[in-house]
Every structure is written in structure tokens, then in C-alpha cells.
Protein backbone atom coordinates (compact mmCIF):
# COMPACT_ATOMS: atom_id res chain seq x y z
CA UNK A 1 41.53 32.02 29.00
CA UNK A 2 38.29 30.31 27.21
CA UNK A 3 38.19 26.58 27.59
CA UNK A 4 36.36 24.85 25.00
CA UNK A 5 33.81 21.82 25.53
CA UNK A 6 33.35 18.86 22.78
CA UNK A 7 30.14 16.77 23.20
CA UNK A 8 29.90 13.74 21.00
CA UNK A 9 26.00 13.11 21.49
CA UNK A 10 24.27 9.59 19.78
CA UNK A 11 20.30 8.09 19.72
CA UNK A 12 20.11 6.10 22.68
CA UNK A 13 19.88 3.09 24.45
CA UNK A 14 18.18 1.28 26.92
CA UNK A 15 19.75 0.61 30.39
CA UNK A 16 20.04 -2.67 30.25
CA UNK A 17 17.99 -6.00 27.69
CA UNK A 18 14.90 -6.20 29.95
CA UNK A 19 11.24 -5.35 28.86
CA UNK A 20 11.00 -2.48 31.99
CA UNK A 21 13.92 -0.75 30.69
CA UNK A 22 13.65 -0.72 26.94
CA UNK A 23 9.80 0.59 27.99
CA UNK A 24 11.23 2.95 28.94
CA UNK A 25 14.03 3.28 26.82
CA UNK A 26 11.08 3.33 23.67
CA UNK A 27 8.79 5.45 25.54
CA UNK A 28 11.17 8.50 25.18
CA UNK A 29 12.42 8.08 21.98
CA UNK A 30 8.67 7.52 20.34
CA UNK A 31 7.66 10.31 22.48
CA UNK A 32 10.04 13.05 20.44
CA UNK A 33 8.12 15.04 17.75
CA UNK A 34 10.97 15.01 15.72
CA UNK A 35 10.46 11.13 15.79
CA UNK A 36 6.55 10.35 15.56
CA UNK A 37 5.27 13.60 14.30
CA UNK A 38 1.35 12.57 14.38
CA UNK A 39 -1.53 14.65 16.28
CA UNK A 40 -0.53 13.52 20.01
CA UNK A 41 -4.43 12.60 20.76
CA UNK A 42 -3.86 10.54 18.51
CA UNK A 43 -0.56 8.83 18.83
CA UNK A 44 0.00 8.73 22.28
CA UNK A 45 -2.84 6.13 23.10
CA UNK A 46 -1.28 3.81 20.64
CA UNK A 47 1.71 4.12 21.37
CA UNK A 48 1.00 3.38 25.48
CA UNK A 49 -1.68 1.39 24.49
CA UNK A 50 -1.15 -0.69 22.27
CA UNK A 51 3.08 -0.51 20.61
CA UNK A 52 5.48 -0.39 23.85
CA UNK A 53 3.38 -3.31 25.71
CA UNK A 54 4.24 -5.61 22.43
CA UNK A 55 6.92 -4.05 21.82
CA UNK A 56 8.99 -3.91 24.51
CA UNK A 57 9.56 -7.40 25.17
CA UNK A 58 10.40 -8.62 21.47
CA UNK A 59 13.05 -5.28 21.21
CA UNK A 60 14.58 -6.44 24.40
CA UNK A 61 15.07 -9.99 23.00
CA UNK A 62 17.21 -8.73 20.09
CA UNK A 63 19.33 -6.35 22.66
CA UNK A 64 19.81 -9.68 24.89
CA UNK A 65 21.32 -11.10 21.49
CA UNK A 66 24.13 -8.22 21.67
CA UNK A 67 23.97 -6.75 24.67
CA UNK A 68 28.06 -6.26 25.87
CA UNK A 69 27.35 -8.49 29.36
CA UNK A 70 31.03 -8.04 30.20
CA UNK A 71 30.08 -4.20 30.76
CA UNK A 72 26.66 -4.77 31.44
CA UNK A 73 26.16 -2.06 28.80
CA UNK A 74 24.95 -2.37 25.00
CA UNK A 75 27.52 -1.35 21.66
CA UNK A 76 26.09 1.59 21.53
CA UNK A 77 27.18 2.90 24.70
CA UNK A 78 30.11 1.28 24.25
CA UNK A 79 31.27 2.60 21.77
CA UNK A 80 30.17 6.10 22.17
CA UNK A 81 32.09 6.36 25.26
CA UNK A 82 35.34 4.44 23.94
CA UNK A 83 35.42 6.87 21.01
CA UNK A 84 35.02 9.69 23.62
CA UNK A 85 37.93 8.30 25.65
CA UNK A 86 40.35 7.59 22.81
CA UNK A 87 39.43 11.32 21.72
CA UNK A 88 40.64 13.01 25.48
CA UNK A 89 43.29 10.66 24.83
CA UNK A 90 44.86 11.85 21.62
CA UNK A 91 44.06 15.27 22.53
CA UNK A 92 45.02 15.40 26.61
CA UNK A 93 47.84 17.56 26.00
CA UNK A 94 45.20 20.52 24.95
CA UNK A 95 43.59 22.07 28.30
CA UNK A 96 41.71 24.12 26.86
CA UNK A 97 39.19 21.63 25.39
CA UNK A 98 36.95 18.86 27.34
CA UNK A 99 35.90 15.79 26.10
CA UNK A 100 32.16 14.10 26.74
CA UNK A 101 29.52 12.30 25.46
CA UNK A 102 25.81 11.73 25.79
CA UNK A 103 22.82 9.88 24.60
CA UNK A 104 19.60 11.85 23.27
CA UNK A 105 17.57 8.95 24.73
CA UNK A 106 17.78 7.27 28.31
CA UNK A 107 21.05 8.19 30.39
CA UNK A 108 23.64 9.73 29.87
CA UNK A 109 21.30 12.60 28.86
CA UNK A 110 22.70 16.01 26.80
CA UNK A 111 21.14 17.44 30.11
CA UNK A 112 23.45 15.91 32.80
CA UNK A 113 26.95 15.90 30.29
CA UNK A 114 26.13 19.90 29.21
CA UNK A 115 26.03 20.25 33.53
CA UNK A 116 29.48 18.72 33.63
CA UNK A 117 30.55 20.84 31.37
CA UNK A 118 29.39 24.18 32.96
CA UNK A 119 30.85 22.85 35.91
CA UNK A 120 34.78 22.57 34.34
CA UNK A 121 33.84 26.65 33.18
CA UNK A 122 33.66 25.31 29.43
CA UNK A 123 32.53 29.06 28.03
CA UNK A 124 32.44 27.81 24.11
CA UNK A 125 30.44 24.27 23.52
CA UNK A 126 30.28 22.20 20.85
CA UNK A 127 27.21 19.30 19.84
CA UNK A 128 29.40 17.08 17.55
CA UNK A 129 25.82 14.99 16.79
CA UNK A 130 26.74 11.30 15.67
CA UNK A 131 24.85 11.81 13.05
CA UNK A 132 27.16 11.61 9.10
CA UNK A 133 23.77 12.05 7.33
CA UNK A 134 21.58 15.35 8.75
CA UNK A 135 18.05 14.88 9.02
CA UNK A 136 15.59 16.84 11.10
CA UNK A 137 14.37 13.08 13.04
CA UNK A 138 18.14 12.77 14.12
CA UNK A 139 20.43 15.58 14.39
CA UNK A 140 17.61 18.46 15.01
CA UNK A 141 16.68 16.52 17.70
CA UNK A 142 20.26 16.95 19.07
CA UNK A 143 19.44 20.64 18.41
CA UNK A 144 16.65 20.52 20.48
CA UNK A 145 17.17 18.89 23.45
CA UNK A 146 20.75 21.44 24.08
CA UNK A 147 18.55 24.42 23.97
CA UNK A 148 16.37 23.12 26.60
CA UNK A 149 19.25 21.88 28.72
CA UNK A 150 20.49 24.92 28.35
CA UNK A 151 16.95 26.49 29.31
CA UNK A 152 17.10 24.39 32.30
CA UNK A 153 20.02 24.82 33.44
CA UNK A 154 19.78 29.00 32.81
CA UNK A 155 23.10 28.59 30.87
CA UNK A 156 24.33 30.43 27.97
CA UNK A 157 27.71 29.53 26.33
CA UNK A 158 28.50 30.30 22.74
CA UNK A 159 26.71 26.51 21.65
CA UNK A 160 27.73 25.70 17.86
CA UNK A 161 26.31 22.29 16.19
CA UNK A 162 29.06 20.76 14.20
CA UNK A 163 27.74 20.15 10.72
CA UNK A 164 26.99 16.90 9.05
CA UNK A 165 29.83 15.31 7.29
CA UNK A 166 28.36 12.94 5.32
CA UNK A 167 31.01 13.89 1.81
CA UNK A 168 33.48 14.99 4.23
CA UNK A 169 36.81 13.42 3.03
CA UNK A 170 37.83 12.07 6.37
CA UNK A 171 34.54 9.79 6.99
CA UNK A 172 34.67 8.95 3.30
CA UNK A 173 38.36 7.35 3.54
CA UNK A 174 37.53 6.74 7.35
CA UNK A 175 34.77 4.38 5.97
CA UNK A 176 36.52 2.92 2.94
CA UNK A 177 39.64 2.26 5.05
CA UNK A 178 38.09 0.14 7.33
CA UNK A 179 35.47 -1.27 4.34
CA UNK A 180 39.06 -2.26 2.60
CA UNK A 181 40.43 -4.09 5.43
CA UNK A 182 37.44 -6.34 5.92
CA UNK A 183 37.31 -7.64 3.19
CA UNK A 184 40.65 -8.42 2.86
CA UNK A 185 40.18 -10.53 5.44
CA UNK A 186 36.95 -12.52 4.00
CA UNK A 187 37.20 -15.72 3.52
CA UNK A 188 34.63 -15.19 0.29
CA UNK A 189 34.46 -11.51 -1.90
CA UNK A 190 30.91 -10.69 -1.86
CA UNK A 191 29.15 -10.45 -5.39
CA UNK A 192 27.23 -7.40 -4.46
CA UNK A 193 27.81 -4.84 -1.14
CA UNK A 194 24.45 -2.94 -0.23
CA UNK A 195 24.94 0.67 0.98
CA UNK A 196 21.86 0.68 3.51
CA UNK A 197 21.07 3.95 5.48
CA UNK A 198 18.11 4.05 8.21
CA UNK A 199 14.93 5.15 6.55
CA UNK A 200 12.82 7.80 7.84
CA UNK A 201 9.46 9.02 6.08
CA UNK A 202 9.19 9.42 2.72
CA UNK A 203 6.68 12.49 3.45
CA UNK A 204 9.51 14.06 5.40
CA UNK A 205 12.20 14.26 2.09
CA UNK A 206 9.11 15.18 0.01
CA UNK A 207 8.72 18.33 3.07
CA UNK A 208 11.89 19.18 2.80
CA UNK A 209 14.22 16.91 5.20
CA UNK A 210 17.89 16.29 3.41
CA UNK A 211 18.38 13.72 4.77
CA UNK A 212 18.18 11.11 1.13
CA UNK A 213 20.46 13.65 -0.70
CA UNK A 214 22.69 13.19 1.81
CA UNK A 215 22.61 9.37 1.77
CA UNK A 216 22.94 9.87 -2.24
CA UNK A 217 25.73 11.50 -1.34
CA UNK A 218 28.03 9.42 1.16
CA UNK A 219 26.90 6.68 -1.11
CA UNK A 220 28.11 7.95 -4.45
CA UNK A 221 31.69 8.56 -2.44
CA UNK A 222 32.12 5.47 -1.10
CA UNK A 223 31.45 4.19 -4.50
CA UNK A 224 34.71 6.46 -5.46
CA UNK A 225 36.63 5.76 -3.17
CA UNK A 226 36.12 1.59 -3.59
CA UNK A 227 36.21 1.85 -7.45
CA UNK A 228 32.06 0.24 -7.10
CA UNK A 229 29.44 0.45 -9.79
CA UNK A 230 26.42 1.49 -8.79
CA UNK A 231 24.60 -1.75 -9.74
CA UNK A 232 27.23 -3.81 -7.37
CA UNK A 233 26.64 -1.03 -4.50
CA UNK A 234 23.82 0.37 -4.78
CA UNK A 235 21.57 1.96 -1.40
CA UNK A 236 18.74 1.08 -0.05
CA UNK A 237 16.73 1.51 3.29
CA UNK A 238 16.39 -0.35 6.67
CA UNK A 239 14.09 -0.28 9.98
CA UNK A 240 10.52 0.44 8.90
CA UNK A 241 8.65 1.32 11.50
CA UNK A 242 4.58 1.57 11.27
CA UNK A 243 2.61 1.71 7.44
CA UNK A 244 3.71 4.96 6.37
CA UNK A 245 5.44 5.02 3.10
CA UNK A 246 8.96 5.09 4.18
CA UNK A 247 11.91 5.40 1.52
CA UNK A 248 13.05 3.00 -0.85
CA UNK A 249 14.68 0.46 -2.02
CA UNK A 250 13.89 -1.66 1.65
CA UNK A 251 17.20 -3.18 2.24
CA UNK A 252 15.80 -6.53 2.90
CA UNK A 253 13.62 -6.31 -0.68
CA UNK A 254 17.13 -5.71 -2.24
CA UNK A 255 18.26 -9.28 -0.01
CA UNK A 256 15.74 -11.49 -1.08
CA UNK A 257 16.32 -10.48 -4.88
CA UNK A 258 19.92 -11.00 -4.31
CA UNK A 259 19.29 -14.50 -3.12
CA UNK A 260 16.68 -14.89 -6.30
CA UNK A 261 19.34 -13.45 -8.29
CA UNK A 262 22.02 -16.41 -7.34
CA UNK A 263 24.12 -14.59 -5.35
CA UNK A 264 25.69 -16.67 -2.59
CA UNK A 265 28.26 -14.21 -0.92
CA UNK A 266 26.70 -10.75 -0.48
CA UNK A 267 27.78 -7.96 2.23
CA UNK A 268 25.66 -4.60 3.55
CA UNK A 269 27.92 -1.35 5.26
CA UNK A 270 25.46 1.10 7.15
CA UNK A 271 26.88 4.79 6.41
CA UNK A 272 24.25 5.81 8.91
CA UNK A 273 25.54 4.45 11.36
CA UNK A 274 29.33 5.75 13.36
CA UNK A 275 28.99 2.80 15.93
CA UNK A 276 27.36 -1.01 15.62
CA UNK A 277 24.60 -1.27 17.74
CA UNK A 278 20.23 -2.94 17.24
CA UNK A 279 19.58 -1.79 14.06
CA UNK A 280 23.07 -3.57 12.16
CA UNK A 281 24.12 -6.46 15.20
CA UNK A 282 20.45 -7.82 15.29
CA UNK A 283 18.61 -6.51 12.38
CA UNK A 284 22.13 -6.64 9.98
CA UNK A 285 23.71 -9.51 10.20
CA UNK A 286 21.63 -11.78 12.28
CA UNK A 287 17.36 -10.89 10.52
CA UNK A 288 19.19 -9.98 7.42
CA UNK A 289 21.54 -13.08 7.10
CA UNK A 290 18.33 -15.71 7.80
CA UNK A 291 16.14 -13.94 5.12
CA UNK A 292 19.14 -14.28 2.82
CA UNK A 293 19.69 -18.02 3.71
CA UNK A 294 15.90 -18.75 3.50
CA UNK A 295 15.96 -17.13 0.24
CA UNK A 296 18.63 -19.18 -1.21
CA UNK A 297 22.03 -17.39 -0.33
CA UNK A 298 24.92 -18.77 2.20
CA UNK A 299 26.42 -15.69 3.77
CA UNK A 300 25.91 -12.25 4.80
CA UNK A 301 28.57 -10.27 5.95
CA UNK A 302 28.19 -6.94 7.94
CA UNK A 303 31.12 -4.38 7.35
CA UNK A 304 31.47 -3.14 10.77
CA UNK A 305 31.27 0.83 11.36
CA UNK A 306 34.02 2.80 12.42
CA UNK A 307 33.15 2.33 15.73
CA UNK A 308 36.50 3.54 18.07
CA UNK A 309 39.24 2.21 15.41
CA UNK A 310 41.98 4.54 14.31
CA UNK A 311 40.24 5.71 11.19
CA UNK A 312 36.59 6.66 13.85
CA UNK A 313 39.15 8.91 16.09
CA UNK A 314 41.26 10.40 13.25
CA UNK A 315 37.57 11.30 12.12
CA UNK A 316 36.69 13.03 14.93
CA UNK A 317 40.15 14.58 15.88
CA UNK A 318 39.48 16.44 12.05
CA UNK A 319 36.12 17.32 12.77
CA UNK A 320 37.28 19.10 16.21
CA UNK A 321 39.69 20.89 14.62
CA UNK A 322 37.33 22.26 11.92
CA UNK A 323 34.07 23.13 13.34
CA UNK A 324 36.55 24.58 16.70
CA UNK A 325 39.53 26.03 14.08
CA UNK A 326 38.41 29.52 15.52
CA UNK A 327 38.04 28.67 19.24
CA UNK A 328 40.86 27.52 19.69
CA UNK A 329 43.25 29.58 17.40
CA UNK A 330 42.25 32.23 19.80
CA UNK A 331 43.48 30.48 22.87
């Protein structure tokens, strides 16, 4: 009987909210050619000579604001670990499936976790990047890491990568359910909900990256599920890095405009992230809340990510059954 391994992979996290740990994490992240594809002869001196020395301390302070002190781990690591554990618990009756999780950057690594699945005698491997919308900067980078790991492990399982699930009905339903639950418990209903995605350079989309198309697909499906108009729930992009032109409109600029237009209560949902992390909890819930108030707004609320909710675990189960149907039927 053939055993199937499921590896959930998220972006990554530093091991601690310290400049040293953040510098180590950012060095790996920003050295990936999928993330920053500038010529190495120019980029690496800039990265190691200017960006890391000056950015690591500030980023560590931001991580410290959201760090799970009780577990000594970042929210992203906490929720990814919980997702894998709860999924494993739900599928515990199936002895032919092994569930694990990894980070593309930082620990635990993709190579380490694939080694563990090999030791469990898994012949089929599904790698499930936890990115609903596909991009060369994220999903394809996970594929790079998996293939490189297999080369180091001298191993050739039947390897399969899950498809992006940006419009999957189970994903949209999960987003809508989490959103409705949050808004039902809100003290005030938002006058606008901004659908904010992590940005990428516009050049990549021009060159064929489908990310922007996938973001628009998610936004349209979510609006339909919620009964929202595009003007009530516009799409925007956050987390710009560097001087290059990125996808627009900017989430920050849209927050400022909402305040200047007289809106007092708005909400932001971040469907590119299945787990709350520094980009949602610090950049949006703390940083953009301050921006909103500084321009005359009052309350900016972050609609939580799917995290380790029952909706998220049901989504993962649905995706696994869809991607591994032939493997599972064969057993």
C-alpha cells in the first residue's frame, strides 16, 4: 500500500524577534532570485551592505509587537503548525496519509520536512503552497525549493504541487464565513471594506505572472459571496518594497482617501494570506490604523485570516482530496 505525504508550505519567519534572527531570515528571503531578480553584482552588495544592517532592527521591533510570547514563535509559525496538526487530527483514521508543514525561508525547511516524509516511507508527495493566488515570487519559489531538496536527498517520489485555489468555492466560502462572523460581532459596521493583497512589481505581471489576475478573481468571487459592490469593497495592494513600480492602487493610499472622504469606520481583509502574520497584524492592524486616524478616520478593523479555524481545516481537506484523489482511490 502506497503512503501519501502532504506538505503544507508557507512563506517563512524569523526564529526570534531579534535583529540577528531577522537579519538571518531576511538574508535568505531577499537572496531568492524569485523574490528579487536584480543582477546579483548590484543586488547583493546593496542587500548585505545597506538593507540588512538598517532594516533588521526595525523589522525585529515590528515582530516583537505581534510575537506569541507564550509559545515563543511568530503568529505565522503558530498558525501554520496548528493547521497541520488539526488537519492531521481530522484525517487520523487514514493511515496512508502523513501531514507535515514547512517554511520556504527559515525553519523548519522544506528539505528537512521532505526528509521526514521519506523516513515515513511516503512514495507520493503533495506539496501545498499556502498561497491562494499563484505568483512566481511565491508558489514557483516553493517548487524550486522542493526540487532542490529532492536532489540533495537523492530521492524521486511521485511529486505533485497543488494548484492555486484563488477561486475555489471552498476557499471563497471560508473567506465569506470568517468575514460574516467578524462583521456580526463588530461594534460598528464598516463604511468600506478594502480587499488588500500583498503587492509585487508591475513588471512581473507584464512579463506573464498571473498574480494580479488571480487577485481580481478572488476579489470578484468574494464580492459576489458577500453581496458587495466594487465601490464598497475595492481591491488594493500593500507591502511595497523598493523604488520599482508595483501593482496599484496602494492600500495605504486607499486608507488615506477613505479618511479624507469622511469615512470613520473601515475594514480590511487580506485574502492573499491564509494566516495572520506581520503583514496583517503589524502593517495593517497597527500601521494602517494609525494612518487612518492621522487623516481623520476613527476605526480600522482587520478581518482575521482563516488561521486555524474550522473553515481553514475544511478547506485544506477539500484541496487535498481534490489534488490526491487518484492516489487515495488507488489505496
